[in-house]
Structures are given as structure tokens and as C-alpha cells.
Amino acid sequence: ILGELDIFLAWIAKNHEVTSSA
């Protein structure tokens, strides 16, 4: 569970960066 949560948070952060850049 923790591993999946970490990946989820990382995906959110990456997605947020992409959205901000665009």
C-alpha cells in the first residue's frame, strides 16, 4: 500500500508540474 501511495503522490506531483508548465 505504501509503495502504491508513494507512486500516486509522485504521479500527482509530476502531473502538477506538467500542468503548471503548460
C-alpha atoms as a PDB file:
ATOM      1  CA  ILE A   1       0.000   0.000   0.000  1.00  0.00           C
ATOM      2  CA  LEU A   2       2.710   2.469   0.980  1.00  0.00           C
ATOM      3  CA  GLY A   3       4.559   1.773  -2.263  1.00  0.00           C
ATOM      4  CA  GLU A   4       1.435   2.450  -4.305  1.00  0.00           C
ATOM      5  CA  LEU A   5       0.724   5.612  -2.314  1.00  0.00           C
ATOM      6  CA  ASP A   6       4.265   6.874  -2.929  1.00  0.00           C
ATOM      7  CA  ILE A   7       3.870   6.278  -6.670  1.00  0.00           C
ATOM      8  CA  PHE A   8       0.472   8.001  -6.607  1.00  0.00           C
ATOM      9  CA  LEU A   9       1.882  11.075  -4.865  1.00  0.00           C
ATOM     10  CA  ALA A  10       4.826  11.142  -7.273  1.00  0.00           C
ATOM     11  CA  TRP A  11       2.408  10.964 -10.230  1.00  0.00           C
ATOM     12  CA  ILE A  12       0.338  13.829  -8.800  1.00  0.00           C
ATOM     13  CA  ALA A  13       3.455  15.967  -8.342  1.00  0.00           C
ATOM     14  CA  LYS A  14       4.661  15.198 -11.876  1.00  0.00           C
ATOM     15  CA  ASN A  15       1.208  15.847 -13.346  1.00  0.00           C
ATOM     16  CA  HIS A  16       1.038  19.147 -11.436  1.00  0.00           C
ATOM     17  CA  GLU A  17       4.413  20.234 -12.842  1.00  0.00           C
ATOM     18  CA  VAL A  18       3.324  19.413 -16.391  1.00  0.00           C
ATOM     19  CA  THR A  19       0.081  21.346 -15.925  1.00  0.00           C
ATOM     20  CA  SER A  20       1.922  24.348 -14.487  1.00  0.00           C
ATOM     21  CA  SER A  21       4.423  24.326 -17.358  1.00  0.00           C
ATOM     22  CA  ALA A  22       1.585  24.195 -19.887  1.00  0.00           C
END
